[in-house]
Amino acid sequence: MEEVRATAAWVASHSSHVTVDFAGIEKVTETMKNSIPNVEWDYEGIHYRDNGPLTVQYLLVLDALNFCFWPDKDLSYDHLASGLKTALENDPSAFDADRLQKYTGPELRKMLKWQKPLPLEDERIRLLHEVGLELERHFDGKASKLVESSGKSAVKLVSLITSHFPGFRDHTLYKGHQVFLYKRAQIFVADLWGAFKGQGYGEFSDIGSITIFADYIVPAVLQQLGVLKYSSSLAKSIETNTEIGSGSEEEVELRACSIHAVEKMRELISNKSGKQVLSVELDLWLWACGIQCLSLQHHRTLSIFY
């Protein structure tokens, strides 16, 4: 995760379209120092949880598919999480490794009770097949064995996921430098930590190593808080819902600067409050703020990574 932090900081220092406003960070953290936001991981009850290996299997499938909802204004993360939950409650073998390798687009739609083609549906099916195949090849078909092999290390688990599952390799090039973001690999760790309340499959000795999960919502909230500032051209693209290319300078800066800004927020809040604050806790709070703000405008990028 130090590669994520270091490369995000490099982007922030060379950014052309997004600026991290340290005065804005100081202002926000000053209001938070005595009341660090506490957001429940599953505050809406939309996730499957049985405190066992099936929850781990569910979360890996969920995070393999957890990307790109915006092209369909009616589709949201809640549809995905609750749809997969219902499917598993109706059929506990629904996410067995051999079955994951055989799903089709229409079958996934039926599982989620969604009438229209899903955004990037072919990619979602490809990633389901990839997860099933790699689990079968290396972990006896069990995501729980993948987690066990990490030895309670969040860093090692992210490394294992990105090594075995190409669809989780969320990195890109920016001005000739490789940048690591790893949103979905890290959020799998955070989901385990949240679902199991830091125990059992969710126990990680280094959970503090995880950064935020750079997506659509977090940059928009940070911009609204005055932590991020956009160039006029980028602001116009977002306001007019103009698609921003995956891997473009603007898109990489939005995500990397968000990571760097929240790292600075975390450091300041921890120093001011005298308590360790986790990036994952700040991410939960920022995301919760974002989904509650119906007028929030975010950038538009077609991507399998978020």
C-alpha atoms as a PDB file:
ATOM      1  CA  MET A   1       0.000   0.000   0.000  1.00  0.00           C
ATOM      2  CA  GLU A   2       3.016   2.274   0.284  1.00  0.00           C
ATOM      3  CA  GLU A   3       3.144   2.162  -3.534  1.00  0.00           C
ATOM      4  CA  VAL A   4      -0.426   3.459  -3.604  1.00  0.00           C
ATOM      5  CA  ARG A   5       0.400   6.279  -1.187  1.00  0.00           C
ATOM      6  CA  ALA A   6       3.688   7.177  -2.872  1.00  0.00           C
ATOM      7  CA  THR A   7       2.374   7.221  -6.420  1.00  0.00           C
ATOM      8  CA  ALA A   8      -0.771   9.120  -5.393  1.00  0.00           C
ATOM      9  CA  ALA A   9       1.440  11.746  -3.755  1.00  0.00           C
ATOM     10  CA  TRP A  10       3.534  11.946  -6.934  1.00  0.00           C
ATOM     11  CA  VAL A  11       0.443  12.558  -9.046  1.00  0.00           C
ATOM     12  CA  ALA A  12      -0.772  15.219  -6.602  1.00  0.00           C
ATOM     13  CA  SER A  13       2.550  17.049  -6.870  1.00  0.00           C
ATOM     14  CA  HIS A  14       2.471  16.981 -10.704  1.00  0.00           C
ATOM     15  CA  SER A  15      -1.253  17.422 -11.237  1.00  0.00           C
ATOM     16  CA  SER A  16      -2.543  19.714 -13.993  1.00  0.00           C
ATOM     17  CA  HIS A  17      -6.308  19.568 -13.424  1.00  0.00           C
ATOM     18  CA  VAL A  18      -6.873  18.742  -9.731  1.00  0.00           C
ATOM     19  CA  THR A  19      -5.353  20.557  -6.748  1.00  0.00           C
ATOM     20  CA  VAL A  20      -5.227  19.332  -3.161  1.00  0.00           C
ATOM     21  CA  ASP A  21      -6.116  22.381  -1.051  1.00  0.00           C
ATOM     22  CA  PHE A  22      -4.294  22.081   2.270  1.00  0.00           C
ATOM     23  CA  ALA A  23      -6.181  25.032   3.725  1.00  0.00           C
ATOM     24  CA  GLY A  24      -9.374  23.146   2.937  1.00  0.00           C
ATOM     25  CA  ILE A  25      -7.997  20.048   4.651  1.00  0.00           C
ATOM     26  CA  GLU A  26      -7.109  22.095   7.725  1.00  0.00           C
ATOM     27  CA  LYS A  27     -10.631  23.540   7.861  1.00  0.00           C
ATOM     28  CA  VAL A  28     -12.377  20.174   7.514  1.00  0.00           C
ATOM     29  CA  THR A  29     -10.158  18.375   9.991  1.00  0.00           C
ATOM     30  CA  GLU A  30     -10.570  21.135  12.574  1.00  0.00           C
ATOM     31  CA  THR A  31     -14.320  20.439  12.660  1.00  0.00           C
ATOM     32  CA  MET A  32     -13.744  16.690  12.931  1.00  0.00           C
ATOM     33  CA  LYS A  33     -11.057  16.492  15.583  1.00  0.00           C
ATOM     34  CA  ASN A  34     -13.473  16.063  18.499  1.00  0.00           C
ATOM     35  CA  SER A  35     -16.136  14.032  16.697  1.00  0.00           C
ATOM     36  CA  ILE A  36     -14.579  11.558  14.324  1.00  0.00           C
ATOM     37  CA  PRO A  37     -17.404  10.239  12.127  1.00  0.00           C
ATOM     38  CA  ASN A  38     -18.497   6.698  12.876  1.00  0.00           C
ATOM     39  CA  VAL A  39     -20.361   4.989  10.047  1.00  0.00           C
ATOM     40  CA  GLU A  40     -21.559   1.397  10.248  1.00  0.00           C
ATOM     41  CA  TRP A  41     -20.208  -0.781   7.458  1.00  0.00           C
ATOM     42  CA  ASP A  42     -23.615  -2.314   6.691  1.00  0.00           C
ATOM     43  CA  TYR A  43     -25.902   0.442   7.896  1.00  0.00           C
ATOM     44  CA  GLU A  44     -28.680  -0.487   5.444  1.00  0.00           C
ATOM     45  CA  GLY A  45     -28.484  -4.261   5.902  1.00  0.00           C
ATOM     46  CA  ILE A  46     -27.947  -4.846   2.194  1.00  0.00           C
ATOM     47  CA  HIS A  47     -25.103  -7.375   2.464  1.00  0.00           C
ATOM     48  CA  TYR A  48     -25.097 -11.120   3.032  1.00  0.00           C
ATOM     49  CA  ARG A  49     -23.587 -11.999   6.417  1.00  0.00           C
ATOM     50  CA  ASP A  50     -23.467 -15.408   8.081  1.00  0.00           C
ATOM     51  CA  ASN A  51     -20.134 -14.946   9.943  1.00  0.00           C
ATOM     52  CA  GLY A  52     -18.624 -17.801   7.963  1.00  0.00           C
ATOM     53  CA  PRO A  53     -16.869 -18.754   4.696  1.00  0.00           C
ATOM     54  CA  LEU A  54     -19.964 -18.091   2.605  1.00  0.00           C
ATOM     55  CA  THR A  55     -19.783 -14.412   3.535  1.00  0.00           C
ATOM     56  CA  VAL A  56     -16.189 -14.333   2.287  1.00  0.00           C
ATOM     57  CA  GLN A  57     -17.265 -15.936  -1.010  1.00  0.00           C
ATOM     58  CA  TYR A  58     -20.079 -13.404  -1.313  1.00  0.00           C
ATOM     59  CA  LEU A  59     -17.778 -10.440  -0.704  1.00  0.00           C
ATOM     60  CA  LEU A  60     -15.236 -11.540  -3.305  1.00  0.00           C
ATOM     61  CA  VAL A  61     -17.996 -11.920  -5.905  1.00  0.00           C
ATOM     62  CA  LEU A  62     -19.489  -8.586  -4.860  1.00  0.00           C
ATOM     63  CA  ASP A  63     -16.184  -6.763  -5.197  1.00  0.00           C
ATOM     64  CA  ALA A  64     -15.392  -8.457  -8.495  1.00  0.00           C
ATOM     65  CA  LEU A  65     -18.568  -6.811  -9.850  1.00  0.00           C
ATOM     66  CA  ASN A  66     -18.455  -3.573  -7.862  1.00  0.00           C
ATOM     67  CA  PHE A  67     -17.885  -1.023 -10.606  1.00  0.00           C
ATOM     68  CA  CYS A  68     -19.502   1.349 -13.080  1.00  0.00           C
ATOM     69  CA  PHE A  69     -23.140   1.965 -12.204  1.00  0.00           C
ATOM     70  CA  TRP A  70     -23.462   5.489 -13.569  1.00  0.00           C
ATOM     71  CA  PRO A  71     -24.439   4.868 -17.212  1.00  0.00           C
ATOM     72  CA  ASP A  72     -27.789   3.586 -15.913  1.00  0.00           C
ATOM     73  CA  LYS A  73     -29.344   6.259 -13.694  1.00  0.00           C
ATOM     74  CA  ASP A  74     -31.572   3.679 -11.986  1.00  0.00           C
ATOM     75  CA  LEU A  75     -28.791   1.239 -11.080  1.00  0.00           C
ATOM     76  CA  SER A  76     -26.811   1.520  -7.842  1.00  0.00           C
ATOM     77  CA  TYR A  77     -24.424  -0.392  -5.616  1.00  0.00           C
ATOM     78  CA  ASP A  78     -27.379  -1.332  -3.417  1.00  0.00           C
ATOM     79  CA  HIS A  79     -28.966  -3.255  -6.292  1.00  0.00           C
ATOM     80  CA  LEU A  80     -25.788  -5.291  -6.703  1.00  0.00           C
ATOM     81  CA  ALA A  81     -25.184  -5.982  -3.007  1.00  0.00           C
ATOM     82  CA  SER A  82     -28.783  -6.844  -2.149  1.00  0.00           C
ATOM     83  CA  GLY A  83     -29.348  -8.796  -5.377  1.00  0.00           C
ATOM     84  CA  LEU A  84     -26.343 -11.028  -4.717  1.00  0.00           C
ATOM     85  CA  LYS A  85     -27.449 -11.396  -1.096  1.00  0.00           C
ATOM     86  CA  THR A  86     -30.899 -12.632  -2.146  1.00  0.00           C
ATOM     87  CA  ALA A  87     -29.403 -15.010  -4.714  1.00  0.00           C
ATOM     88  CA  LEU A  88     -27.203 -16.595  -2.070  1.00  0.00           C
ATOM     89  CA  GLU A  89     -30.028 -16.834   0.454  1.00  0.00           C
ATOM     90  CA  ASN A  90     -32.127 -18.651  -2.155  1.00  0.00           C
ATOM     91  CA  ASP A  91     -29.277 -20.927  -3.266  1.00  0.00           C
ATOM     92  CA  PRO A  92     -26.145 -21.261  -1.082  1.00  0.00           C
ATOM     93  CA  SER A  93     -24.271 -22.880  -4.018  1.00  0.00           C
ATOM     94  CA  ALA A  94     -24.864 -19.892  -6.332  1.00  0.00           C
ATOM     95  CA  PHE A  95     -21.264 -18.677  -5.956  1.00  0.00           C
ATOM     96  CA  ASP A  96     -19.486 -22.031  -6.062  1.00  0.00           C
ATOM     97  CA  ALA A  97     -16.336 -21.703  -8.157  1.00  0.00           C
ATOM     98  CA  ASP A  98     -17.545 -24.023 -10.921  1.00  0.00           C
ATOM     99  CA  ARG A  99     -20.817 -22.121 -11.251  1.00  0.00           C
ATOM    100  CA  LEU A 100     -19.106 -18.733 -11.344  1.00  0.00           C
ATOM    101  CA  GLN A 101     -17.287 -19.891 -14.484  1.00  0.00           C
ATOM    102  CA  LYS A 102     -20.532 -20.566 -16.349  1.00  0.00           C
ATOM    103  CA  TYR A 103     -22.725 -17.525 -15.741  1.00  0.00           C
ATOM    104  CA  THR A 104     -24.025 -15.551 -18.712  1.00  0.00           C
ATOM    105  CA  GLY A 105     -25.142 -11.952 -18.907  1.00  0.00           C
ATOM    106  CA  PRO A 106     -28.861 -12.787 -18.875  1.00  0.00           C
ATOM    107  CA  GLU A 107     -28.328 -15.105 -15.892  1.00  0.00           C
ATOM    108  CA  LEU A 108     -26.560 -12.348 -13.941  1.00  0.00           C
ATOM    109  CA  ARG A 109     -29.371  -9.931 -14.788  1.00  0.00           C
ATOM    110  CA  LYS A 110     -31.922 -12.444 -13.564  1.00  0.00           C
ATOM    111  CA  MET A 111     -29.955 -12.922 -10.345  1.00  0.00           C
ATOM    112  CA  LEU A 112     -30.009  -9.171  -9.731  1.00  0.00           C
ATOM    113  CA  LYS A 113     -33.630  -8.850 -10.898  1.00  0.00           C
ATOM    114  CA  TRP A 114     -32.504  -6.313 -13.504  1.00  0.00           C
ATOM    115  CA  GLN A 115     -34.422  -6.105 -16.781  1.00  0.00           C
ATOM    116  CA  LYS A 116     -31.880  -4.222 -18.903  1.00  0.00           C
ATOM    117  CA  PRO A 117     -28.303  -5.079 -19.908  1.00  0.00           C
ATOM    118  CA  LEU A 118     -25.903  -4.111 -17.131  1.00  0.00           C
ATOM    119  CA  PRO A 119     -23.221  -1.465 -17.758  1.00  0.00           C
ATOM    120  CA  LEU A 120     -20.077  -3.236 -19.003  1.00  0.00           C
ATOM    121  CA  GLU A 121     -21.979  -6.516 -18.725  1.00  0.00           C
ATOM    122  CA  ASP A 122     -19.474  -8.535 -20.778  1.00  0.00           C
ATOM    123  CA  GLU A 123     -16.683  -7.395 -18.468  1.00  0.00           C
ATOM    124  CA  ARG A 124     -18.680  -8.367 -15.403  1.00  0.00           C
ATOM    125  CA  ILE A 125     -19.203 -11.856 -16.789  1.00  0.00           C
ATOM    126  CA  ARG A 126     -15.528 -12.134 -17.703  1.00  0.00           C
ATOM    127  CA  LEU A 127     -14.551 -11.221 -14.151  1.00  0.00           C
ATOM    128  CA  LEU A 128     -17.006 -13.707 -12.636  1.00  0.00           C
ATOM    129  CA  HIS A 129     -15.425 -16.440 -14.768  1.00  0.00           C
ATOM    130  CA  GLU A 130     -11.937 -15.267 -13.779  1.00  0.00           C
ATOM    131  CA  VAL A 131     -12.758 -15.402 -10.057  1.00  0.00           C
ATOM    132  CA  GLY A 132     -14.264 -18.873 -10.338  1.00  0.00           C
ATOM    133  CA  LEU A 133     -11.351 -20.228 -12.344  1.00  0.00           C
ATOM    134  CA  GLU A 134      -8.622 -18.822 -10.098  1.00  0.00           C
ATOM    135  CA  LEU A 135     -10.365 -19.913  -6.923  1.00  0.00           C
ATOM    136  CA  GLU A 136     -10.693 -23.425  -8.329  1.00  0.00           C
ATOM    137  CA  ARG A 137      -7.068 -23.530  -9.502  1.00  0.00           C
ATOM    138  CA  HIS A 138      -5.370 -22.218  -6.382  1.00  0.00           C
ATOM    139  CA  PHE A 139      -7.730 -22.144  -3.393  1.00  0.00           C
ATOM    140  CA  ASP A 140      -9.940 -25.248  -3.634  1.00  0.00           C
ATOM    141  CA  GLY A 141     -12.703 -22.996  -4.919  1.00  0.00           C
ATOM    142  CA  LYS A 142     -12.915 -21.114  -1.599  1.00  0.00           C
ATOM    143  CA  ALA A 143     -12.383 -17.399  -1.119  1.00  0.00           C
ATOM    144  CA  SER A 144     -11.981 -18.171   2.582  1.00  0.00           C
ATOM    145  CA  LYS A 145      -8.775 -20.090   1.777  1.00  0.00           C
ATOM    146  CA  LEU A 146      -7.511 -17.102  -0.171  1.00  0.00           C
ATOM    147  CA  VAL A 147      -8.050 -14.951   2.927  1.00  0.00           C
ATOM    148  CA  GLU A 148      -6.500 -17.540   5.255  1.00  0.00           C
ATOM    149  CA  SER A 149      -3.358 -17.620   3.108  1.00  0.00           C
ATOM    150  CA  SER A 150      -2.792 -13.914   3.814  1.00  0.00           C
ATOM    151  CA  GLY A 151      -1.846 -14.609   7.434  1.00  0.00           C
ATOM    152  CA  LYS A 152      -4.074 -11.771   8.722  1.00  0.00           C
ATOM    153  CA  SER A 153      -2.183  -9.200   6.663  1.00  0.00           C
ATOM    154  CA  ALA A 154      -4.171  -6.692   4.627  1.00  0.00           C
ATOM    155  CA  VAL A 155      -1.109  -5.880   2.527  1.00  0.00           C
ATOM    156  CA  LYS A 156      -0.493  -9.535   1.704  1.00  0.00           C
ATOM    157  CA  LEU A 157      -4.152 -10.101   0.853  1.00  0.00           C
ATOM    158  CA  VAL A 158      -4.155  -7.186  -1.594  1.00  0.00           C
ATOM    159  CA  SER A 159      -0.976  -8.608  -3.098  1.00  0.00           C
ATOM    160  CA  LEU A 160      -2.539 -12.068  -3.427  1.00  0.00           C
ATOM    161  CA  ILE A 161      -5.678 -10.678  -5.051  1.00  0.00           C
ATOM    162  CA  THR A 162      -3.813  -8.583  -7.592  1.00  0.00           C
ATOM    163  CA  SER A 163      -1.440 -11.469  -8.329  1.00  0.00           C
ATOM    164  CA  HIS A 164      -4.150 -14.062  -8.946  1.00  0.00           C
ATOM    165  CA  PHE A 165      -6.965 -11.962 -10.406  1.00  0.00           C
ATOM    166  CA  PRO A 166      -5.962  -9.657 -13.293  1.00  0.00           C
ATOM    167  CA  GLY A 167      -9.326  -7.906 -13.114  1.00  0.00           C
ATOM    168  CA  PHE A 168      -8.280  -6.395  -9.760  1.00  0.00           C
ATOM    169  CA  ARG A 169      -5.013  -4.894 -11.088  1.00  0.00           C
ATOM    170  CA  ASP A 170      -6.029  -1.295 -10.848  1.00  0.00           C
ATOM    171  CA  HIS A 171      -2.938   0.594 -11.964  1.00  0.00           C
ATOM    172  CA  THR A 172      -2.202   2.984 -14.798  1.00  0.00           C
ATOM    173  CA  LEU A 173       0.390   5.282 -16.356  1.00  0.00           C
ATOM    174  CA  TYR A 174       0.466   8.994 -15.646  1.00  0.00           C
ATOM    175  CA  LYS A 175       3.017  11.311 -17.262  1.00  0.00           C
ATOM    176  CA  GLY A 176       5.353   8.356 -17.758  1.00  0.00           C
ATOM    177  CA  HIS A 177       5.015   7.044 -14.182  1.00  0.00           C
ATOM    178  CA  GLN A 178       3.147   3.952 -13.055  1.00  0.00           C
ATOM    179  CA  VAL A 179       0.405   4.741 -10.549  1.00  0.00           C
ATOM    180  CA  PHE A 180      -1.193   2.167  -8.236  1.00  0.00           C
ATOM    181  CA  LEU A 181      -4.770   2.660  -7.022  1.00  0.00           C
ATOM    182  CA  TYR A 182      -6.142  -0.840  -6.233  1.00  0.00           C
ATOM    183  CA  LYS A 183      -9.660   0.260  -5.310  1.00  0.00           C
ATOM    184  CA  ARG A 184     -11.492  -3.078  -5.522  1.00  0.00           C
ATOM    185  CA  ALA A 185      -8.671  -5.150  -4.035  1.00  0.00           C
ATOM    186  CA  GLN A 186      -8.521  -2.848  -1.017  1.00  0.00           C
ATOM    187  CA  ILE A 187     -12.283  -2.629  -0.616  1.00  0.00           C
ATOM    188  CA  PHE A 188     -12.436  -6.425  -0.392  1.00  0.00           C
ATOM    189  CA  VAL A 189     -10.147  -6.199   2.646  1.00  0.00           C
ATOM    190  CA  ALA A 190     -12.278  -3.408   4.106  1.00  0.00           C
ATOM    191  CA  ASP A 191     -15.488  -5.347   3.473  1.00  0.00           C
ATOM    192  CA  LEU A 192     -14.069  -8.339   5.327  1.00  0.00           C
ATOM    193  CA  TRP A 193     -12.977  -6.095   8.193  1.00  0.00           C
ATOM    194  CA  GLY A 194     -16.417  -4.509   8.353  1.00  0.00           C
ATOM    195  CA  ALA A 195     -18.485  -7.661   7.902  1.00  0.00           C
ATOM    196  CA  PHE A 196     -16.583  -9.623  10.541  1.00  0.00           C
ATOM    197  CA  LYS A 197     -16.040  -6.594  12.818  1.00  0.00           C
ATOM    198  CA  GLY A 198     -12.274  -7.039  12.788  1.00  0.00           C
ATOM    199  CA  GLN A 199     -12.446 -10.663  13.949  1.00  0.00           C
ATOM    200  CA  GLY A 200     -11.992 -14.033  12.254  1.00  0.00           C
ATOM    201  CA  TYR A 201     -11.803 -13.570   8.488  1.00  0.00           C
ATOM    202  CA  GLY A 202     -11.875  -9.818   9.080  1.00  0.00           C
ATOM    203  CA  GLU A 203      -8.898  -9.655  11.434  1.00  0.00           C
ATOM    204  CA  PHE A 204      -5.896  -7.848   9.946  1.00  0.00           C
ATOM    205  CA  SER A 205      -2.899  -6.791  11.984  1.00  0.00           C
ATOM    206  CA  ASP A 206      -2.198  -3.993   9.489  1.00  0.00           C
ATOM    207  CA  ILE A 207      -5.667  -2.666   8.614  1.00  0.00           C
ATOM    208  CA  GLY A 208      -4.185   0.830   8.945  1.00  0.00           C
ATOM    209  CA  SER A 209      -2.206   0.193   5.772  1.00  0.00           C
ATOM    210  CA  ILE A 210      -5.343   0.366   3.626  1.00  0.00           C
ATOM    211  CA  THR A 211      -5.981   3.661   1.827  1.00  0.00           C
ATOM    212  CA  ILE A 212      -9.328   5.018   0.682  1.00  0.00           C
ATOM    213  CA  PHE A 213     -11.062   3.445  -2.313  1.00  0.00           C
ATOM    214  CA  ALA A 214     -10.762   5.981  -5.098  1.00  0.00           C
ATOM    215  CA  ASP A 215     -14.054   6.018  -7.016  1.00  0.00           C
ATOM    216  CA  TYR A 216     -16.671   8.469  -8.347  1.00  0.00           C
ATOM    217  CA  ILE A 217     -18.205   9.566  -5.060  1.00  0.00           C
ATOM    218  CA  VAL A 218     -15.177  10.385  -2.888  1.00  0.00           C
ATOM    219  CA  PRO A 219     -13.623  13.023  -5.220  1.00  0.00           C
ATOM    220  CA  ALA A 220     -17.010  14.733  -5.588  1.00  0.00           C
ATOM    221  CA  VAL A 221     -17.473  14.939  -1.806  1.00  0.00           C
ATOM    222  CA  LEU A 222     -13.910  16.187  -1.303  1.00  0.00           C
ATOM    223  CA  GLN A 223     -14.477  18.876  -3.927  1.00  0.00           C
ATOM    224  CA  GLN A 224     -17.690  19.916  -2.203  1.00  0.00           C
ATOM    225  CA  LEU A 225     -15.830  20.127   1.131  1.00  0.00           C
ATOM    226  CA  GLY A 226     -13.178  22.379  -0.417  1.00  0.00           C
ATOM    227  CA  VAL A 227     -10.440  19.764  -0.117  1.00  0.00           C
ATOM    228  CA  LEU A 228     -10.047  19.332  -3.879  1.00  0.00           C
ATOM    229  CA  LYS A 229     -10.172  22.084  -6.494  1.00  0.00           C
ATOM    230  CA  TYR A 230     -10.700  21.470 -10.214  1.00  0.00           C
ATOM    231  CA  SER A 231      -9.507  23.307 -13.308  1.00  0.00           C
ATOM    232  CA  SER A 232     -12.260  25.123 -15.197  1.00  0.00           C
ATOM    233  CA  SER A 233     -12.135  22.592 -18.035  1.00  0.00           C
ATOM    234  CA  LEU A 234     -12.475  19.609 -15.687  1.00  0.00           C
ATOM    235  CA  ALA A 235     -15.254  21.290 -13.723  1.00  0.00           C
ATOM    236  CA  LYS A 236     -17.138  21.929 -16.965  1.00  0.00           C
ATOM    237  CA  SER A 237     -16.736  18.295 -18.072  1.00  0.00           C
ATOM    238  CA  ILE A 238     -18.227  17.112 -14.774  1.00  0.00           C
ATOM    239  CA  GLU A 239     -21.037  19.678 -14.804  1.00  0.00           C
ATOM    240  CA  THR A 240     -22.056  18.697 -18.353  1.00  0.00           C
ATOM    241  CA  ASN A 241     -21.712  14.940 -17.702  1.00  0.00           C
ATOM    242  CA  THR A 242     -19.063  14.667 -20.401  1.00  0.00           C
ATOM    243  CA  GLU A 243     -17.327  11.295 -20.331  1.00  0.00           C
ATOM    244  CA  ILE A 244     -13.731  11.447 -19.081  1.00  0.00           C
ATOM    245  CA  GLY A 245     -11.533   8.742 -20.559  1.00  0.00           C
ATOM    246  CA  SER A 246     -10.226   5.947 -18.393  1.00  0.00           C
ATOM    247  CA  GLY A 247      -6.509   6.500 -17.842  1.00  0.00           C
ATOM    248  CA  SER A 248      -6.643  10.140 -18.924  1.00  0.00           C
ATOM    249  CA  GLU A 249      -4.734  12.715 -16.891  1.00  0.00           C
ATOM    250  CA  GLU A 250      -7.964  14.139 -15.484  1.00  0.00           C
ATOM    251  CA  GLU A 251      -9.272  10.748 -14.378  1.00  0.00           C
ATOM    252  CA  VAL A 252      -6.021   9.625 -12.761  1.00  0.00           C
ATOM    253  CA  GLU A 253      -5.665  12.961 -10.976  1.00  0.00           C
ATOM    254  CA  LEU A 254      -9.207  12.794  -9.582  1.00  0.00           C
ATOM    255  CA  ARG A 255      -8.526   9.412  -8.033  1.00  0.00           C
ATOM    256  CA  ALA A 256      -4.904   9.838  -6.952  1.00  0.00           C
ATOM    257  CA  CYS A 257      -5.437  13.300  -5.470  1.00  0.00           C
ATOM    258  CA  SER A 258      -8.373  11.910  -3.484  1.00  0.00           C
ATOM    259  CA  ILE A 259      -6.115   9.258  -1.963  1.00  0.00           C
ATOM    260  CA  HIS A 260      -3.411  11.794  -1.140  1.00  0.00           C
ATOM    261  CA  ALA A 261      -5.870  14.317   0.302  1.00  0.00           C
ATOM    262  CA  VAL A 262      -7.504  11.789   2.620  1.00  0.00           C
ATOM    263  CA  GLU A 263      -4.091  10.568   3.788  1.00  0.00           C
ATOM    264  CA  LYS A 264      -3.328  14.149   4.817  1.00  0.00           C
ATOM    265  CA  MET A 265      -6.746  14.417   6.478  1.00  0.00           C
ATOM    266  CA  ARG A 266      -6.116  11.207   8.400  1.00  0.00           C
ATOM    267  CA  GLU A 267      -2.722  12.395   9.621  1.00  0.00           C
ATOM    268  CA  LEU A 268      -4.101  15.748  10.783  1.00  0.00           C
ATOM    269  CA  ILE A 269      -7.146  14.298  12.542  1.00  0.00           C
ATOM    270  CA  SER A 270      -4.986  11.690  14.268  1.00  0.00           C
ATOM    271  CA  ASN A 271      -2.572  14.390  15.463  1.00  0.00           C
ATOM    272  CA  LYS A 272      -5.329  16.718  16.648  1.00  0.00           C
ATOM    273  CA  SER A 273      -7.444  14.080  18.374  1.00  0.00           C
ATOM    274  CA  GLY A 274      -4.597  11.956  19.721  1.00  0.00           C
ATOM    275  CA  LYS A 275      -6.332   8.854  18.350  1.00  0.00           C
ATOM    276  CA  GLN A 276      -5.430   6.718  15.373  1.00  0.00           C
ATOM    277  CA  VAL A 277      -7.883   7.244  12.528  1.00  0.00           C
ATOM    278  CA  LEU A 278      -8.103   4.714   9.701  1.00  0.00           C
ATOM    279  CA  SER A 279      -8.399   5.714   6.068  1.00  0.00           C
ATOM    280  CA  VAL A 280     -11.138   3.111   5.727  1.00  0.00           C
ATOM    281  CA  GLU A 281     -13.171   4.934   8.394  1.00  0.00           C
ATOM    282  CA  LEU A 282     -12.822   8.225   6.547  1.00  0.00           C
ATOM    283  CA  ASP A 283     -13.778   6.533   3.282  1.00  0.00           C
ATOM    284  CA  LEU A 284     -16.955   5.121   4.837  1.00  0.00           C
ATOM    285  CA  TRP A 285     -17.879   8.585   6.076  1.00  0.00           C
ATOM    286  CA  LEU A 286     -17.144  10.317   2.749  1.00  0.00           C
ATOM    287  CA  TRP A 287     -19.067   7.695   0.794  1.00  0.00           C
ATOM    288  CA  ALA A 288     -22.036   7.926   3.158  1.00  0.00           C
ATOM    289  CA  CYS A 289     -22.042  11.712   2.733  1.00  0.00           C
ATOM    290  CA  GLY A 290     -21.951  11.320  -1.018  1.00  0.00           C
ATOM    291  CA  ILE A 291     -24.814   8.884  -1.447  1.00  0.00           C
ATOM    292  CA  GLN A 292     -27.009  11.012   0.815  1.00  0.00           C
ATOM    293  CA  CYS A 293     -26.448  14.080  -1.365  1.00  0.00           C
ATOM    294  CA  LEU A 294     -28.801  13.644  -4.315  1.00  0.00           C
ATOM    295  CA  SER A 295     -27.452  16.720  -6.115  1.00  0.00           C
ATOM    296  CA  LEU A 296     -23.821  15.552  -6.030  1.00  0.00           C
ATOM    297  CA  GLN A 297     -22.236  15.548  -9.488  1.00  0.00           C
ATOM    298  CA  HIS A 298     -19.409  13.097 -10.109  1.00  0.00           C
ATOM    299  CA  HIS A 299     -17.104  12.449 -13.028  1.00  0.00           C
ATOM    300  CA  ARG A 300     -18.153   9.974 -15.726  1.00  0.00           C
ATOM    301  CA  THR A 301     -15.685   7.261 -16.705  1.00  0.00           C
ATOM    302  CA  LEU A 302     -16.346   3.793 -18.064  1.00  0.00           C
ATOM    303  CA  SER A 303     -14.024   1.563 -16.044  1.00  0.00           C
ATOM    304  CA  ILE A 304     -13.964  -1.908 -14.509  1.00  0.00           C
ATOM    305  CA  PHE A 305     -11.954  -0.647 -11.545  1.00  0.00           C
ATOM    306  CA  TYR A 306     -14.635   1.466  -9.796  1.00  0.00           C
END
